[in-house]
Amino acid sequence: QVQLVESGGGLVQAGGSLRLSCAYDGRTFSNDAMNWFRQAPGKEREFVAAMSWNGGTTRYADSVRGRFTISRDHAKNTVYLQMNSLKPEDTAVYYCAAKSGIPRWAASTRLADFGSWGQGTQVTVSS
């Protein structure tokens, strides 16, 4: 039973923009912090952006700060990742995840705190 579904990935030139979306089951995840992670070929999955359940707290990896923005629309049960000034090193499969660690509402950068994951969406940035 898929409860997190990412979309919006694709191929873009360096310097371009993409917006990723993650539709989630509102009955299950409305009060949970939500994150974006990514995994490049041959590398471990890494933290990208985090948001507390109400959007009051956001955190970003140093590599994307100032270029990426995480946001959430509770009415649409969707989390977004706006990615600007994309670089070839941003190429990866991007995953959204809902927090299962306690407290579930608080923002976290730790991969181990997240127990529910989407299937991922591929982002490829050409040079």
Foldseek 3Di string as FASTA:
>chain_A
DAFWAKDWADEEAAQAKIKMKIAGDLVPFLQFKKFKWWDDPPGDIFGAKIAFNVRPDIDGDPVQPPFWDWDDDSVRRMIMIIGGRDDQVVWTWMKMFTFDAPPRRDIDRDPVRTDHIYPTDTHGYHD
